[in-house]
Amino acid sequence: EDARAALFLGERGQRISPRVVQLRLQALAQ
């Protein structure tokens, strides 16, 4: 239920984790 309400999802279908956001942002910056 938490994932279905979440705005941002990870690739496994659950609410995205802070660590994923950090890694994705740094990858884009590079």
PDB file of all heavy atoms in Angstrom:
ATOM      1  N   GLU A   1       0.831  -1.212   0.000  1.00  0.00           N
ATOM      2  CA  GLU A   1       0.000   0.000   0.000  1.00  0.00           C
ATOM      3  C   GLU A   1       0.862   1.258   0.000  1.00  0.00           C
ATOM      4  O   GLU A   1       0.522   2.250  -0.639  1.00  0.00           O
ATOM      5  CB  GLU A   1      -0.915  -0.010   1.224  1.00  0.00           C
ATOM      6  CG  GLU A   1      -2.064   0.992   1.160  1.00  0.00           C
ATOM      7  CD  GLU A   1      -3.070   0.669   0.063  1.00  0.00           C
ATOM      8  OE1 GLU A   1      -3.320  -0.531  -0.155  1.00  0.00           O
ATOM      9  OE2 GLU A   1      -3.588   1.613  -0.562  1.00  0.00           O
ATOM     10  N   ASP A   2       1.974   1.215   0.717  1.00  0.00           N
ATOM     11  CA  ASP A   2       2.872   2.360   0.750  1.00  0.00           C
ATOM     12  C   ASP A   2       3.425   2.646  -0.644  1.00  0.00           C
ATOM     13  O   ASP A   2       3.498   3.797  -1.071  1.00  0.00           O
ATOM     14  CB  ASP A   2       4.014   2.097   1.728  1.00  0.00           C
ATOM     15  CG  ASP A   2       5.026   3.228   1.757  1.00  0.00           C
ATOM     16  OD1 ASP A   2       4.691   4.309   2.277  1.00  0.00           O
ATOM     17  OD2 ASP A   2       6.148   3.039   1.248  1.00  0.00           O
ATOM     18  N   ALA A   3       3.803   1.591  -1.359  1.00  0.00           N
ATOM     19  CA  ALA A   3       4.350   1.774  -2.702  1.00  0.00           C
ATOM     20  C   ALA A   3       3.287   2.307  -3.663  1.00  0.00           C
ATOM     21  O   ALA A   3       3.578   3.148  -4.520  1.00  0.00           O
ATOM     22  CB  ALA A   3       4.910   0.453  -3.223  1.00  0.00           C
ATOM     23  N   ARG A   4       2.079   1.836  -3.532  1.00  0.00           N
ATOM     24  CA  ARG A   4       1.017   2.289  -4.440  1.00  0.00           C
ATOM     25  C   ARG A   4       0.676   3.765  -4.218  1.00  0.00           C
ATOM     26  O   ARG A   4       0.180   4.435  -5.119  1.00  0.00           O
ATOM     27  CB  ARG A   4      -0.230   1.415  -4.264  1.00  0.00           C
ATOM     28  CG  ARG A   4       0.014  -0.025  -4.694  1.00  0.00           C
ATOM     29  CD  ARG A   4      -1.219  -0.886  -4.658  1.00  0.00           C
ATOM     30  NE  ARG A   4      -0.884  -2.248  -5.089  1.00  0.00           N
ATOM     31  CZ  ARG A   4      -0.740  -2.613  -6.352  1.00  0.00           C
ATOM     32  NH1 ARG A   4      -0.940  -1.735  -7.313  1.00  0.00           N
ATOM     33  NH2 ARG A   4      -0.409  -3.852  -6.655  1.00  0.00           N
ATOM     34  N   ALA A   5       0.962   4.267  -3.016  1.00  0.00           N
ATOM     35  CA  ALA A   5       0.728   5.684  -2.742  1.00  0.00           C
ATOM     36  C   ALA A   5       1.932   6.544  -3.103  1.00  0.00           C
ATOM     37  O   ALA A   5       1.780   7.741  -3.362  1.00  0.00           O
ATOM     38  CB  ALA A   5       0.389   5.872  -1.269  1.00  0.00           C
ATOM     39  N   ALA A   6       3.118   5.932  -3.141  1.00  0.00           N
ATOM     40  CA  ALA A   6       4.361   6.699  -3.313  1.00  0.00           C
ATOM     41  C   ALA A   6       4.402   7.405  -4.660  1.00  0.00           C
ATOM     42  O   ALA A   6       4.013   6.850  -5.686  1.00  0.00           O
ATOM     43  CB  ALA A   6       5.563   5.775  -3.178  1.00  0.00           C
ATOM     44  N   LEU A   7       4.924   8.631  -4.646  1.00  0.00           N
ATOM     45  CA  LEU A   7       5.101   9.345  -5.899  1.00  0.00           C
ATOM     46  C   LEU A   7       6.234   8.736  -6.713  1.00  0.00           C
ATOM     47  O   LEU A   7       6.086   8.504  -7.909  1.00  0.00           O
ATOM     48  CB  LEU A   7       5.390  10.821  -5.620  1.00  0.00           C
ATOM     49  CG  LEU A   7       5.706  11.683  -6.851  1.00  0.00           C
ATOM     50  CD1 LEU A   7       4.557  11.681  -7.842  1.00  0.00           C
ATOM     51  CD2 LEU A   7       6.051  13.117  -6.426  1.00  0.00           C
ATOM     52  N   PHE A   8       7.343   8.446  -6.065  1.00  0.00           N
ATOM     53  CA  PHE A   8       8.509   7.940  -6.782  1.00  0.00           C
ATOM     54  C   PHE A   8       8.791   6.492  -6.384  1.00  0.00           C
ATOM     55  O   PHE A   8       8.855   6.174  -5.188  1.00  0.00           O
ATOM     56  CB  PHE A   8       9.728   8.817  -6.507  1.00  0.00           C
ATOM     57  CG  PHE A   8       9.565  10.215  -7.042  1.00  0.00           C
ATOM     58  CD1 PHE A   8       9.527  11.303  -6.184  1.00  0.00           C
ATOM     59  CD2 PHE A   8       9.436  10.442  -8.404  1.00  0.00           C
ATOM     60  CE1 PHE A   8       9.372  12.586  -6.662  1.00  0.00           C
ATOM     61  CE2 PHE A   8       9.268  11.732  -8.900  1.00  0.00           C
ATOM     62  CZ  PHE A   8       9.234  12.800  -8.034  1.00  0.00           C
ATOM     63  N   LEU A   9       8.964   5.657  -7.409  1.00  0.00           N
ATOM     64  CA  LEU A   9       9.150   4.225  -7.215  1.00  0.00           C
ATOM     65  C   LEU A   9      10.518   3.786  -7.702  1.00  0.00           C
ATOM     66  O   LEU A   9      11.051   4.332  -8.669  1.00  0.00           O
ATOM     67  CB  LEU A   9       8.077   3.439  -7.981  1.00  0.00           C
ATOM     68  CG  LEU A   9       6.622   3.739  -7.619  1.00  0.00           C
ATOM     69  CD1 LEU A   9       5.688   3.120  -8.643  1.00  0.00           C
ATOM     70  CD2 LEU A   9       6.314   3.218  -6.222  1.00  0.00           C
ATOM     71  N   GLY A  10      11.049   2.766  -7.021  1.00  0.00           N
ATOM     72  CA  GLY A  10      12.255   2.117  -7.507  1.00  0.00           C
ATOM     73  C   GLY A  10      11.893   1.089  -8.562  1.00  0.00           C
ATOM     74  O   GLY A  10      10.718   0.812  -8.827  1.00  0.00           O
ATOM     75  N   GLU A  11      12.909   0.477  -9.160  1.00  0.00           N
ATOM     76  CA  GLU A  11      12.665  -0.466 -10.250  1.00  0.00           C
ATOM     77  C   GLU A  11      12.028  -1.761  -9.768  1.00  0.00           C
ATOM     78  O   GLU A  11      11.551  -2.552 -10.589  1.00  0.00           O
ATOM     79  CB  GLU A  11      13.974  -0.742 -10.990  1.00  0.00           C
ATOM     80  CG  GLU A  11      14.507   0.508 -11.697  1.00  0.00           C
ATOM     81  CD  GLU A  11      15.722   0.212 -12.548  1.00  0.00           C
ATOM     82  OE1 GLU A  11      15.622  -0.641 -13.461  1.00  0.00           O
ATOM     83  OE2 GLU A  11      16.781   0.819 -12.296  1.00  0.00           O
ATOM     84  N   ARG A  12      12.008  -2.011  -8.453  1.00  0.00           N
ATOM     85  CA  ARG A  12      11.353  -3.205  -7.914  1.00  0.00           C
ATOM     86  C   ARG A  12       9.913  -2.935  -7.494  1.00  0.00           C
ATOM     87  O   ARG A  12       9.265  -3.788  -6.902  1.00  0.00           O
ATOM     88  CB  ARG A  12      12.149  -3.735  -6.725  1.00  0.00           C
ATOM     89  CG  ARG A  12      13.547  -4.237  -7.111  1.00  0.00           C
ATOM     90  CD  ARG A  12      14.271  -4.818  -5.912  1.00  0.00           C
ATOM     91  NE  ARG A  12      15.587  -5.313  -6.273  1.00  0.00           N
ATOM     92  CZ  ARG A  12      16.439  -5.865  -5.417  1.00  0.00           C
ATOM     93  NH1 ARG A  12      16.093  -5.986  -4.135  1.00  0.00           N
ATOM     94  NH2 ARG A  12      17.620  -6.281  -5.823  1.00  0.00           N
ATOM     95  N   GLY A  13       9.433  -1.743  -7.766  1.00  0.00           N
ATOM     96  CA  GLY A  13       8.034  -1.454  -7.492  1.00  0.00           C
ATOM     97  C   GLY A  13       7.735  -0.989  -6.089  1.00  0.00           C
ATOM     98  O   GLY A  13       6.568  -0.945  -5.693  1.00  0.00           O
ATOM     99  N   GLN A  14       8.754  -0.633  -5.296  1.00  0.00           N
ATOM    100  CA  GLN A  14       8.556  -0.104  -3.954  1.00  0.00           C
ATOM    101  C   GLN A  14       8.945   1.368  -3.914  1.00  0.00           C
ATOM    102  O   GLN A  14       9.552   1.885  -4.851  1.00  0.00           O
ATOM    103  CB  GLN A  14       9.388  -0.901  -2.941  1.00  0.00           C
ATOM    104  CG  GLN A  14       9.017  -2.379  -2.860  1.00  0.00           C
ATOM    105  CD  GLN A  14       7.566  -2.611  -2.456  1.00  0.00           C
ATOM    106  OE1 GLN A  14       7.043  -1.925  -1.583  1.00  0.00           O
ATOM    107  NE2 GLN A  14       6.908  -3.578  -3.088  1.00  0.00           N
ATOM    108  N   ARG A  15       8.573   2.055  -2.825  1.00  0.00           N
ATOM    109  CA  ARG A  15       8.949   3.460  -2.674  1.00  0.00           C
ATOM    110  C   ARG A  15      10.461   3.594  -2.834  1.00  0.00           C
ATOM    111  O   ARG A  15      11.225   2.815  -2.267  1.00  0.00           O
ATOM    112  CB  ARG A  15       8.504   3.987  -1.312  1.00  0.00           C
ATOM    113  CG  ARG A  15       8.761   5.487  -1.107  1.00  0.00           C
ATOM    114  CD  ARG A  15       8.306   5.926   0.288  1.00  0.00           C
ATOM    115  NE  ARG A  15       6.872   5.816   0.451  1.00  0.00           N
ATOM    116  CZ  ARG A  15       6.003   6.777   0.165  1.00  0.00           C
ATOM    117  NH1 ARG A  15       6.427   7.934  -0.317  1.00  0.00           N
ATOM    118  NH2 ARG A  15       4.708   6.585   0.358  1.00  0.00           N
ATOM    119  N   ILE A  16      10.902   4.572  -3.583  1.00  0.00           N
ATOM    120  CA  ILE A  16      12.319   4.729  -3.868  1.00  0.00           C
ATOM    121  C   ILE A  16      13.096   5.034  -2.589  1.00  0.00           C
ATOM    122  O   ILE A  16      12.589   5.695  -1.682  1.00  0.00           O
ATOM    123  CB  ILE A  16      12.541   5.827  -4.933  1.00  0.00           C
ATOM    124  CG1 ILE A  16      13.927   5.694  -5.571  1.00  0.00           C
ATOM    125  CG2 ILE A  16      12.341   7.219  -4.331  1.00  0.00           C
ATOM    126  CD1 ILE A  16      14.085   6.491  -6.840  1.00  0.00           C
ATOM    127  N   SER A  17      14.320   4.545  -2.514  1.00  0.00           N
ATOM    128  CA  SER A  17      15.147   4.761  -1.330  1.00  0.00           C
ATOM    129  C   SER A  17      16.007   6.005  -1.512  1.00  0.00           C
ATOM    130  O   SER A  17      16.352   6.376  -2.643  1.00  0.00           O
ATOM    131  CB  SER A  17      16.053   3.555  -1.081  1.00  0.00           C
ATOM    132  OG  SER A  17      17.086   3.495  -2.057  1.00  0.00           O
ATOM    133  N   PRO A  18      16.387   6.670  -0.412  1.00  0.00           N
ATOM    134  CA  PRO A  18      17.264   7.841  -0.522  1.00  0.00           C
ATOM    135  C   PRO A  18      18.574   7.529  -1.242  1.00  0.00           C
ATOM    136  O   PRO A  18      19.088   8.363  -1.991  1.00  0.00           O
ATOM    137  CB  PRO A  18      17.499   8.242   0.935  1.00  0.00           C
ATOM    138  CG  PRO A  18      16.304   7.729   1.669  1.00  0.00           C
ATOM    139  CD  PRO A  18      15.944   6.457   0.977  1.00  0.00           C
ATOM    140  N   ARG A  19      19.120   6.341  -1.009  1.00  0.00           N
ATOM    141  CA  ARG A  19      20.402   6.006  -1.630  1.00  0.00           C
ATOM    142  C   ARG A  19      20.300   5.967  -3.147  1.00  0.00           C
ATOM    143  O   ARG A  19      21.231   6.409  -3.848  1.00  0.00           O
ATOM    144  CB  ARG A  19      20.889   4.664  -1.092  1.00  0.00           C
ATOM    145  CG  ARG A  19      22.276   4.249  -1.596  1.00  0.00           C
ATOM    146  CD  ARG A  19      23.305   5.297  -1.239  1.00  0.00           C
ATOM    147  NE  ARG A  19      24.647   4.915  -1.663  1.00  0.00           N
ATOM    148  CZ  ARG A  19      25.654   5.757  -1.823  1.00  0.00           C
ATOM    149  NH1 ARG A  19      25.465   7.048  -1.577  1.00  0.00           N
ATOM    150  NH2 ARG A  19      26.828   5.334  -2.202  1.00  0.00           N
ATOM    151  N   VAL A  20      19.197   5.472  -3.670  1.00  0.00           N
ATOM    152  CA  VAL A  20      19.022   5.431  -5.125  1.00  0.00           C
ATOM    153  C   VAL A  20      18.984   6.849  -5.687  1.00  0.00           C
ATOM    154  O   VAL A  20      19.574   7.129  -6.736  1.00  0.00           O
ATOM    155  CB  VAL A  20      17.738   4.656  -5.499  1.00  0.00           C
ATOM    156  CG1 VAL A  20      17.424   4.799  -6.987  1.00  0.00           C
ATOM    157  CG2 VAL A  20      17.898   3.180  -5.149  1.00  0.00           C
ATOM    158  N   VAL A  21      18.306   7.755  -4.999  1.00  0.00           N
ATOM    159  CA  VAL A  21      18.246   9.144  -5.463  1.00  0.00           C
ATOM    160  C   VAL A  21      19.660   9.732  -5.505  1.00  0.00           C
ATOM    161  O   VAL A  21      20.039  10.393  -6.474  1.00  0.00           O
ATOM    162  CB  VAL A  21      17.338   9.995  -4.543  1.00  0.00           C
ATOM    163  CG1 VAL A  21      17.258  11.428  -5.057  1.00  0.00           C
ATOM    164  CG2 VAL A  21      15.942   9.392  -4.466  1.00  0.00           C
ATOM    165  N   GLN A  22      20.436   9.486  -4.468  1.00  0.00           N
ATOM    166  CA  GLN A  22      21.806  10.006  -4.418  1.00  0.00           C
ATOM    167  C   GLN A  22      22.629   9.492  -5.600  1.00  0.00           C
ATOM    168  O   GLN A  22      23.319  10.261  -6.274  1.00  0.00           O
ATOM    169  CB  GLN A  22      22.470   9.585  -3.104  1.00  0.00           C
ATOM    170  CG  GLN A  22      21.871  10.231  -1.867  1.00  0.00           C
ATOM    171  CD  GLN A  22      22.424   9.625  -0.594  1.00  0.00           C
ATOM    172  OE1 GLN A  22      23.096   8.594  -0.609  1.00  0.00           O
ATOM    173  NE2 GLN A  22      22.121  10.253   0.540  1.00  0.00           N
ATOM    174  N   LEU A  23      22.564   8.183  -5.845  1.00  0.00           N
ATOM    175  CA  LEU A  23      23.371   7.585  -6.904  1.00  0.00           C
ATOM    176  C   LEU A  23      22.942   8.064  -8.283  1.00  0.00           C
ATOM    177  O   LEU A  23      23.781   8.335  -9.155  1.00  0.00           O
ATOM    178  CB  LEU A  23      23.282   6.057  -6.820  1.00  0.00           C
ATOM    179  CG  LEU A  23      23.920   5.420  -5.581  1.00  0.00           C
ATOM    180  CD1 LEU A  23      23.634   3.925  -5.548  1.00  0.00           C
ATOM    181  CD2 LEU A  23      25.421   5.677  -5.551  1.00  0.00           C
ATOM    182  N   ARG A  24      21.641   8.186  -8.495  1.00  0.00           N
ATOM    183  CA  ARG A  24      21.138   8.621  -9.809  1.00  0.00           C
ATOM    184  C   ARG A  24      21.517  10.081 -10.080  1.00  0.00           C
ATOM    185  O   ARG A  24      21.857  10.441 -11.213  1.00  0.00           O
ATOM    186  CB  ARG A  24      19.635   8.442  -9.886  1.00  0.00           C
ATOM    187  CG  ARG A  24      19.149   7.005  -9.794  1.00  0.00           C
ATOM    188  CD  ARG A  24      19.558   6.166 -10.971  1.00  0.00           C
ATOM    189  NE  ARG A  24      18.984   6.666 -12.228  1.00  0.00           N
ATOM    190  CZ  ARG A  24      19.192   6.100 -13.411  1.00  0.00           C
ATOM    191  NH1 ARG A  24      19.984   5.032 -13.517  1.00  0.00           N
ATOM    192  NH2 ARG A  24      18.646   6.601 -14.499  1.00  0.00           N
ATOM    193  N   LEU A  25      21.466  10.929  -9.055  1.00  0.00           N
ATOM    194  CA  LEU A  25      21.818  12.329  -9.240  1.00  0.00           C
ATOM    195  C   LEU A  25      23.312  12.468  -9.545  1.00  0.00           C
ATOM    196  O   LEU A  25      23.702  13.223 -10.449  1.00  0.00           O
ATOM    197  CB  LEU A  25      21.454  13.135  -7.993  1.00  0.00           C
ATOM    198  CG  LEU A  25      21.800  14.628  -8.041  1.00  0.00           C
ATOM    199  CD1 LEU A  25      21.125  15.320  -9.213  1.00  0.00           C
ATOM    200  CD2 LEU A  25      21.415  15.309  -6.726  1.00  0.00           C
ATOM    201  N   GLN A  26      24.140  11.768  -8.805  1.00  0.00           N
ATOM    202  CA  GLN A  26      25.570  11.861  -9.051  1.00  0.00           C
ATOM    203  C   GLN A  26      25.932  11.320 -10.439  1.00  0.00           C
ATOM    204  O   GLN A  26      26.800  11.872 -11.125  1.00  0.00           O
ATOM    205  CB  GLN A  26      26.345  11.098  -7.974  1.00  0.00           C
ATOM    206  CG  GLN A  26      27.857  11.166  -8.111  1.00  0.00           C
ATOM    207  CD  GLN A  26      28.408  12.580  -8.142  1.00  0.00           C
ATOM    208  OE1 GLN A  26      27.808  13.495  -7.579  1.00  0.00           O
ATOM    209  NE2 GLN A  26      29.538  12.776  -8.804  1.00  0.00           N
ATOM    210  N   ALA A  27      25.250  10.263 -10.870  1.00  0.00           N
ATOM    211  CA  ALA A  27      25.513   9.713 -12.203  1.00  0.00           C
ATOM    212  C   ALA A  27      25.159  10.725 -13.285  1.00  0.00           C
ATOM    213  O   ALA A  27      25.904  10.891 -14.268  1.00  0.00           O
ATOM    214  CB  ALA A  27      24.714   8.419 -12.400  1.00  0.00           C
ATOM    215  N   LEU A  28      24.042  11.439 -13.119  1.00  0.00           N
ATOM    216  CA  LEU A  28      23.652  12.443 -14.104  1.00  0.00           C
ATOM    217  C   LEU A  28      24.651  13.596 -14.101  1.00  0.00           C
ATOM    218  O   LEU A  28      25.034  14.105 -15.170  1.00  0.00           O
ATOM    219  CB  LEU A  28      22.244  12.960 -13.809  1.00  0.00           C
ATOM    220  CG  LEU A  28      21.743  14.061 -14.751  1.00  0.00           C
ATOM    221  CD1 LEU A  28      21.681  13.563 -16.192  1.00  0.00           C
ATOM    222  CD2 LEU A  28      20.370  14.579 -14.313  1.00  0.00           C
ATOM    223  N   ALA A  29      25.094  14.021 -12.911  1.00  0.00           N
ATOM    224  CA  ALA A  29      26.066  15.112 -12.831  1.00  0.00           C
ATOM    225  C   ALA A  29      27.350  14.755 -13.578  1.00  0.00           C
ATOM    226  O   ALA A  29      27.936  15.597 -14.269  1.00  0.00           O
ATOM    227  CB  ALA A  29      26.370  15.422 -11.365  1.00  0.00           C
ATOM    228  N   GLN A  30      27.773  13.515 -13.458  1.00  0.00           N
ATOM    229  CA  GLN A  30      28.980  13.077 -14.166  1.00  0.00           C
ATOM    230  C   GLN A  30      28.748  13.040 -15.678  1.00  0.00           C
ATOM    231  O   GLN A  30      29.625  13.434 -16.462  1.00  0.00           O
ATOM    232  CB  GLN A  30      29.406  11.702 -13.662  1.00  0.00           C
ATOM    233  CG  GLN A  30      29.930  11.713 -12.234  1.00  0.00           C
ATOM    234  CD  GLN A  30      30.222  10.324 -11.707  1.00  0.00           C
ATOM    235  OE1 GLN A  30      29.827   9.322 -12.299  1.00  0.00           O
ATOM    236  NE2 GLN A  30      30.920  10.254 -10.579  1.00  0.00           N
TER     237      GLN A  30
END
